[in-house]
């Protein structure tokens, strides 16, 4: 998993380097910024998944709230990088329902102080 994180960081740096050396030099277009931001968010999600695995292996407790937070971050990444030229309305309703379900789950886990599952 650590190798995947390092690979993702290298990918972000590679994308930034390629975009900055292409004409016009040292300028990024809006689509280039979105590509870089999407790669950066993918690295953050990989770090969150790594934290989930480490926490589970150290404590033998499944961190349900952290898993839901990671899923919410992944959905936020999807919404941020979505290309609205190719999206149908049903796709947006599906994304909205997933985000709503994750938000409600996260809220309900916050109200209940027992947010871990002991295995």
N, C-alpha and C. Protein backbone atom coordinates (compact mmCIF):
# COMPACT_ATOMS: atom_id res chain seq x y z
N UNK A 1 0.83 -1.20 0.00
CA UNK A 1 0.00 0.00 0.00
C UNK A 1 0.87 1.25 0.00
N UNK A 2 1.96 1.19 0.73
CA UNK A 2 2.88 2.35 0.76
C UNK A 2 3.43 2.59 -0.63
N UNK A 3 3.70 1.51 -1.35
CA UNK A 3 4.21 1.65 -2.72
C UNK A 3 3.18 2.36 -3.62
N UNK A 4 1.92 2.04 -3.43
CA UNK A 4 0.86 2.70 -4.21
C UNK A 4 0.82 4.20 -3.89
N UNK A 5 0.98 4.55 -2.62
CA UNK A 5 0.98 5.96 -2.24
C UNK A 5 2.16 6.69 -2.88
N UNK A 6 3.35 6.08 -2.81
CA UNK A 6 4.52 6.72 -3.43
C UNK A 6 4.35 6.83 -4.94
N UNK A 7 3.76 5.80 -5.54
CA UNK A 7 3.50 5.83 -6.98
C UNK A 7 2.53 6.97 -7.32
N UNK A 8 1.52 7.16 -6.49
CA UNK A 8 0.57 8.25 -6.71
C UNK A 8 1.21 9.62 -6.57
N UNK A 9 2.09 9.78 -5.59
CA UNK A 9 2.81 11.05 -5.43
C UNK A 9 3.69 11.30 -6.65
N UNK A 10 4.37 10.25 -7.12
CA UNK A 10 5.20 10.39 -8.32
C UNK A 10 4.34 10.76 -9.52
N UNK A 11 3.13 10.20 -9.60
CA UNK A 11 2.22 10.52 -10.71
C UNK A 11 1.80 11.98 -10.65
N UNK A 12 1.50 12.49 -9.46
CA UNK A 12 1.13 13.90 -9.32
C UNK A 12 2.29 14.79 -9.77
N UNK A 13 3.49 14.47 -9.34
CA UNK A 13 4.66 15.26 -9.74
C UNK A 13 4.90 15.17 -11.24
N UNK A 14 4.70 13.99 -11.81
CA UNK A 14 4.89 13.80 -13.25
C UNK A 14 3.87 14.60 -14.05
N UNK A 15 2.63 14.56 -13.62
CA UNK A 15 1.58 15.32 -14.31
C UNK A 15 1.87 16.82 -14.22
N UNK A 16 2.26 17.27 -13.03
CA UNK A 16 2.59 18.70 -12.87
C UNK A 16 3.75 19.09 -13.77
N UNK A 17 4.79 18.27 -13.80
CA UNK A 17 5.97 18.57 -14.62
C UNK A 17 5.60 18.64 -16.09
N UNK A 18 4.84 17.65 -16.57
CA UNK A 18 4.44 17.64 -17.99
C UNK A 18 3.58 18.84 -18.35
N UNK A 19 2.70 19.24 -17.45
CA UNK A 19 1.82 20.37 -17.75
C UNK A 19 2.57 21.70 -17.69
N UNK A 20 3.56 21.78 -16.83
CA UNK A 20 4.29 23.04 -16.69
C UNK A 20 5.32 23.26 -17.80
N UNK A 21 5.85 22.18 -18.39
CA UNK A 21 6.84 22.37 -19.46
C UNK A 21 6.21 22.48 -20.83
N UNK A 22 4.92 22.16 -20.94
CA UNK A 22 4.22 22.28 -22.23
C UNK A 22 3.90 23.75 -22.48
N UNK A 23 3.95 24.17 -23.76
CA UNK A 23 3.60 25.57 -24.05
C UNK A 23 2.15 25.85 -23.72
N UNK A 24 1.78 26.96 -23.20
CA UNK A 24 2.61 28.05 -22.69
C UNK A 24 3.31 27.63 -21.39
N UNK A 25 4.58 27.94 -21.29
CA UNK A 25 5.41 27.48 -20.19
C UNK A 25 4.96 28.06 -18.86
N UNK A 26 4.99 27.22 -17.84
CA UNK A 26 4.69 27.57 -16.45
C UNK A 26 3.26 28.08 -16.25
N UNK A 27 2.35 27.72 -17.15
CA UNK A 27 0.94 28.08 -17.00
C UNK A 27 0.10 26.82 -17.07
N UNK A 28 -0.92 26.77 -16.25
CA UNK A 28 -1.83 25.64 -16.24
C UNK A 28 -3.22 26.09 -16.66
N UNK A 29 -3.84 25.30 -17.51
CA UNK A 29 -5.23 25.59 -17.86
C UNK A 29 -6.13 25.01 -16.77
N UNK A 30 -7.40 25.32 -16.85
CA UNK A 30 -8.34 24.82 -15.85
C UNK A 30 -8.42 23.30 -15.87
N UNK A 31 -8.40 22.70 -17.05
CA UNK A 31 -8.45 21.23 -17.13
C UNK A 31 -7.18 20.61 -16.55
N UNK A 32 -6.03 21.27 -16.72
CA UNK A 32 -4.79 20.77 -16.14
C UNK A 32 -4.83 20.82 -14.61
N UNK A 33 -5.41 21.88 -14.09
CA UNK A 33 -5.55 22.00 -12.63
C UNK A 33 -6.46 20.90 -12.10
N UNK A 34 -7.55 20.60 -12.82
CA UNK A 34 -8.46 19.53 -12.40
C UNK A 34 -7.77 18.17 -12.44
N UNK A 35 -6.95 17.91 -13.48
CA UNK A 35 -6.23 16.65 -13.56
C UNK A 35 -5.26 16.50 -12.39
N UNK A 36 -4.55 17.56 -12.08
CA UNK A 36 -3.59 17.53 -10.98
C UNK A 36 -4.32 17.35 -9.65
N UNK A 37 -5.40 18.07 -9.47
CA UNK A 37 -6.17 17.98 -8.24
C UNK A 37 -6.76 16.58 -8.08
N UNK A 38 -7.23 15.98 -9.16
CA UNK A 38 -7.79 14.63 -9.10
C UNK A 38 -6.71 13.62 -8.70
N UNK A 39 -5.52 13.77 -9.25
CA UNK A 39 -4.43 12.87 -8.88
C UNK A 39 -4.04 13.05 -7.42
N UNK A 40 -4.03 14.30 -6.95
CA UNK A 40 -3.70 14.58 -5.56
C UNK A 40 -4.76 13.99 -4.61
N UNK A 41 -6.02 14.12 -4.96
CA UNK A 41 -7.09 13.55 -4.14
C UNK A 41 -7.03 12.03 -4.12
N UNK A 42 -6.62 11.43 -5.22
CA UNK A 42 -6.45 9.97 -5.25
C UNK A 42 -5.37 9.54 -4.27
N UNK A 43 -4.31 10.33 -4.16
CA UNK A 43 -3.25 10.03 -3.19
C UNK A 43 -3.79 10.17 -1.77
N UNK A 44 -4.59 11.20 -1.51
CA UNK A 44 -5.17 11.36 -0.17
C UNK A 44 -6.09 10.20 0.20
N UNK A 45 -6.85 9.72 -0.76
CA UNK A 45 -7.73 8.58 -0.51
C UNK A 45 -6.90 7.33 -0.23
N UNK A 46 -5.81 7.15 -0.96
CA UNK A 46 -4.93 6.01 -0.69
C UNK A 46 -4.34 6.08 0.71
N UNK A 47 -3.99 7.27 1.16
CA UNK A 47 -3.46 7.44 2.52
C UNK A 47 -4.54 7.11 3.55
N UNK A 48 -5.77 7.51 3.31
CA UNK A 48 -6.87 7.19 4.21
C UNK A 48 -7.09 5.67 4.29
N UNK A 49 -7.05 5.01 3.15
CA UNK A 49 -7.22 3.56 3.14
C UNK A 49 -6.07 2.90 3.91
N UNK A 50 -4.86 3.40 3.73
CA UNK A 50 -3.72 2.88 4.48
C UNK A 50 -3.92 3.06 5.98
N UNK A 51 -4.44 4.21 6.39
CA UNK A 51 -4.72 4.43 7.80
C UNK A 51 -5.78 3.46 8.32
N UNK A 52 -6.79 3.18 7.51
CA UNK A 52 -7.82 2.19 7.89
C UNK A 52 -7.18 0.83 8.14
N UNK A 53 -6.32 0.41 7.23
CA UNK A 53 -5.68 -0.90 7.36
C UNK A 53 -4.78 -0.95 8.59
N UNK A 54 -3.97 0.09 8.80
CA UNK A 54 -3.07 0.12 9.95
C UNK A 54 -3.86 0.11 11.25
N UNK A 55 -4.92 0.90 11.33
CA UNK A 55 -5.72 0.94 12.55
C UNK A 55 -6.37 -0.41 12.82
N UNK A 56 -6.85 -1.07 11.78
CA UNK A 56 -7.46 -2.38 11.96
C UNK A 56 -6.43 -3.41 12.43
N UNK A 57 -5.25 -3.40 11.83
CA UNK A 57 -4.24 -4.39 12.19
C UNK A 57 -3.68 -4.16 13.60
N UNK A 58 -3.63 -2.92 14.04
CA UNK A 58 -3.09 -2.63 15.38
C UNK A 58 -4.08 -2.93 16.49
N UNK A 59 -5.35 -2.71 16.25
CA UNK A 59 -6.33 -2.79 17.34
C UNK A 59 -7.35 -3.91 17.18
N UNK A 60 -7.38 -4.59 16.04
CA UNK A 60 -8.41 -5.60 15.76
C UNK A 60 -9.82 -5.04 15.88
N UNK A 61 -9.95 -3.75 15.61
CA UNK A 61 -11.25 -3.07 15.65
C UNK A 61 -11.47 -2.46 14.27
N UNK A 62 -12.64 -2.69 13.71
CA UNK A 62 -12.96 -2.15 12.39
C UNK A 62 -13.44 -0.71 12.56
N UNK A 63 -12.66 0.28 12.08
CA UNK A 63 -13.02 1.69 12.28
C UNK A 63 -14.10 2.14 11.29
N UNK A 64 -15.34 1.88 11.61
CA UNK A 64 -16.44 2.12 10.68
C UNK A 64 -16.57 3.59 10.30
N UNK A 65 -16.42 4.47 11.26
CA UNK A 65 -16.56 5.91 10.96
C UNK A 65 -15.47 6.39 10.02
N UNK A 66 -14.25 5.89 10.20
CA UNK A 66 -13.15 6.26 9.31
C UNK A 66 -13.37 5.72 7.90
N UNK A 67 -13.94 4.54 7.80
CA UNK A 67 -14.24 3.97 6.49
C UNK A 67 -15.31 4.80 5.77
N UNK A 68 -16.33 5.22 6.51
CA UNK A 68 -17.37 6.07 5.91
C UNK A 68 -16.78 7.42 5.49
N UNK A 69 -15.89 7.98 6.30
CA UNK A 69 -15.25 9.25 5.95
C UNK A 69 -14.40 9.09 4.69
N UNK A 70 -13.72 7.96 4.55
CA UNK A 70 -12.93 7.70 3.35
C UNK A 70 -13.84 7.58 2.12
N UNK A 71 -14.96 6.91 2.27
CA UNK A 71 -15.91 6.79 1.16
C UNK A 71 -16.48 8.16 0.78
N UNK A 72 -16.73 9.01 1.79
CA UNK A 72 -17.22 10.36 1.49
C UNK A 72 -16.17 11.17 0.75
N UNK A 73 -14.90 10.99 1.10
CA UNK A 73 -13.83 11.69 0.39
C UNK A 73 -13.74 11.21 -1.05
N UNK A 74 -13.91 9.92 -1.27
CA UNK A 74 -13.87 9.38 -2.63
C UNK A 74 -15.03 9.92 -3.47
N UNK A 75 -16.20 10.03 -2.86
CA UNK A 75 -17.34 10.58 -3.58
C UNK A 75 -17.16 12.07 -3.85
N UNK A 76 -16.56 12.78 -2.90
CA UNK A 76 -16.27 14.20 -3.13
C UNK A 76 -15.30 14.37 -4.28
N UNK A 77 -14.30 13.49 -4.38
CA UNK A 77 -13.37 13.53 -5.50
C UNK A 77 -14.12 13.32 -6.81
N UNK A 78 -15.04 12.37 -6.81
CA UNK A 78 -15.81 12.09 -8.02
C UNK A 78 -16.63 13.31 -8.45
N UNK A 79 -17.25 13.98 -7.49
CA UNK A 79 -18.06 15.16 -7.81
C UNK A 79 -17.17 16.30 -8.30
N UNK A 80 -16.01 16.46 -7.70
CA UNK A 80 -15.13 17.57 -8.08
C UNK A 80 -14.60 17.39 -9.50
N UNK A 81 -14.26 16.17 -9.88
CA UNK A 81 -13.63 15.97 -11.18
C UNK A 81 -14.61 15.58 -12.28
N UNK A 82 -15.89 15.56 -11.98
CA UNK A 82 -16.88 15.10 -12.96
C UNK A 82 -16.93 16.07 -14.15
N UNK A 83 -17.07 15.50 -15.33
CA UNK A 83 -17.19 16.30 -16.55
C UNK A 83 -18.67 16.38 -16.90
N UNK A 84 -19.23 17.56 -16.75
CA UNK A 84 -20.67 17.74 -16.91
C UNK A 84 -21.13 17.66 -18.36
N UNK A 85 -20.19 17.60 -19.30
CA UNK A 85 -20.58 17.45 -20.70
C UNK A 85 -21.11 16.05 -21.00
N UNK A 86 -20.64 15.07 -20.23
CA UNK A 86 -20.97 13.68 -20.54
C UNK A 86 -21.81 13.00 -19.47
N UNK A 87 -22.39 13.76 -18.57
CA UNK A 87 -23.15 13.18 -17.45
C UNK A 87 -24.64 13.28 -17.74
N UNK A 88 -25.32 12.17 -17.51
CA UNK A 88 -26.78 12.17 -17.65
C UNK A 88 -27.39 12.47 -16.29
N UNK A 89 -28.60 12.99 -16.25
CA UNK A 89 -29.21 13.33 -14.96
C UNK A 89 -29.33 12.16 -13.99
N UNK A 90 -29.58 10.96 -14.49
CA UNK A 90 -29.71 9.81 -13.60
C UNK A 90 -28.39 9.53 -12.86
N UNK A 91 -27.28 9.79 -13.54
CA UNK A 91 -25.97 9.63 -12.90
C UNK A 91 -25.82 10.61 -11.73
N UNK A 92 -26.28 11.82 -11.91
CA UNK A 92 -26.19 12.82 -10.84
C UNK A 92 -27.10 12.45 -9.68
N UNK A 93 -28.29 11.94 -9.97
CA UNK A 93 -29.18 11.50 -8.89
C UNK A 93 -28.57 10.33 -8.12
N UNK A 94 -27.91 9.43 -8.82
CA UNK A 94 -27.26 8.30 -8.15
C UNK A 94 -26.13 8.79 -7.25
N UNK A 95 -25.31 9.71 -7.74
CA UNK A 95 -24.24 10.27 -6.91
C UNK A 95 -24.81 10.99 -5.69
N UNK A 96 -25.87 11.75 -5.90
CA UNK A 96 -26.49 12.48 -4.78
C UNK A 96 -27.04 11.52 -3.74
N UNK A 97 -27.66 10.43 -4.19
CA UNK A 97 -28.21 9.48 -3.21
C UNK A 97 -27.12 8.77 -2.44
N UNK A 98 -26.01 8.45 -3.10
CA UNK A 98 -24.89 7.82 -2.40
C UNK A 98 -24.31 8.77 -1.36
N UNK A 99 -24.12 10.02 -1.74
CA UNK A 99 -23.56 11.01 -0.82
C UNK A 99 -24.51 11.25 0.35
N UNK A 100 -25.79 11.31 0.08
CA UNK A 100 -26.78 11.49 1.14
C UNK A 100 -26.76 10.30 2.11
N UNK A 101 -26.70 9.09 1.56
CA UNK A 101 -26.66 7.90 2.42
C UNK A 101 -25.39 7.88 3.27
N UNK A 102 -24.26 8.23 2.68
CA UNK A 102 -23.01 8.27 3.45
C UNK A 102 -23.07 9.35 4.52
N UNK A 103 -23.62 10.50 4.19
CA UNK A 103 -23.74 11.58 5.17
C UNK A 103 -24.63 11.20 6.34
N UNK A 104 -25.76 10.58 6.05
CA UNK A 104 -26.66 10.15 7.12
C UNK A 104 -25.98 9.09 7.99
N UNK A 105 -25.29 8.16 7.36
CA UNK A 105 -24.57 7.12 8.11
C UNK A 105 -23.51 7.73 9.01
N UNK A 106 -22.75 8.67 8.48
CA UNK A 106 -21.71 9.32 9.27
C UNK A 106 -22.32 10.08 10.45
N UNK A 107 -23.44 10.76 10.20
CA UNK A 107 -24.13 11.50 11.27
C UNK A 107 -24.62 10.54 12.36
N UNK A 108 -25.25 9.45 11.95
CA UNK A 108 -25.77 8.49 12.92
C UNK A 108 -24.65 7.82 13.70
N UNK A 109 -23.53 7.57 13.07
CA UNK A 109 -22.39 7.01 13.79
C UNK A 109 -21.82 8.02 14.78
N UNK A 110 -21.92 9.31 14.45
CA UNK A 110 -21.45 10.35 15.37
C UNK A 110 -22.33 10.46 16.59
N UNK A 111 -23.62 10.22 16.43
CA UNK A 111 -24.53 10.27 17.58
C UNK A 111 -24.31 9.07 18.50
N UNK A 112 -23.98 7.94 17.89
CA UNK A 112 -23.70 6.74 18.67
C UNK A 112 -22.21 6.70 18.95
N UNK A 113 -21.83 6.69 20.20
CA UNK A 113 -20.41 6.73 20.55
C UNK A 113 -19.71 5.41 20.29
N UNK A 114 -20.44 4.35 20.07
CA UNK A 114 -19.86 3.05 19.78
C UNK A 114 -19.73 2.92 18.27
N UNK A 115 -18.75 3.61 17.66
CA UNK A 115 -18.63 3.64 16.22
C UNK A 115 -17.61 2.66 15.66
N UNK A 116 -17.25 1.67 16.45
CA UNK A 116 -16.33 0.65 15.96
C UNK A 116 -17.00 -0.71 16.10
N UNK A 117 -16.58 -1.61 15.26
CA UNK A 117 -17.10 -2.96 15.31
C UNK A 117 -15.96 -3.87 15.77
N UNK A 118 -16.11 -4.50 16.90
CA UNK A 118 -15.09 -5.40 17.40
C UNK A 118 -15.28 -6.76 16.77
N UNK A 119 -14.20 -7.26 16.22
CA UNK A 119 -14.26 -8.57 15.55
C UNK A 119 -13.64 -9.63 16.41
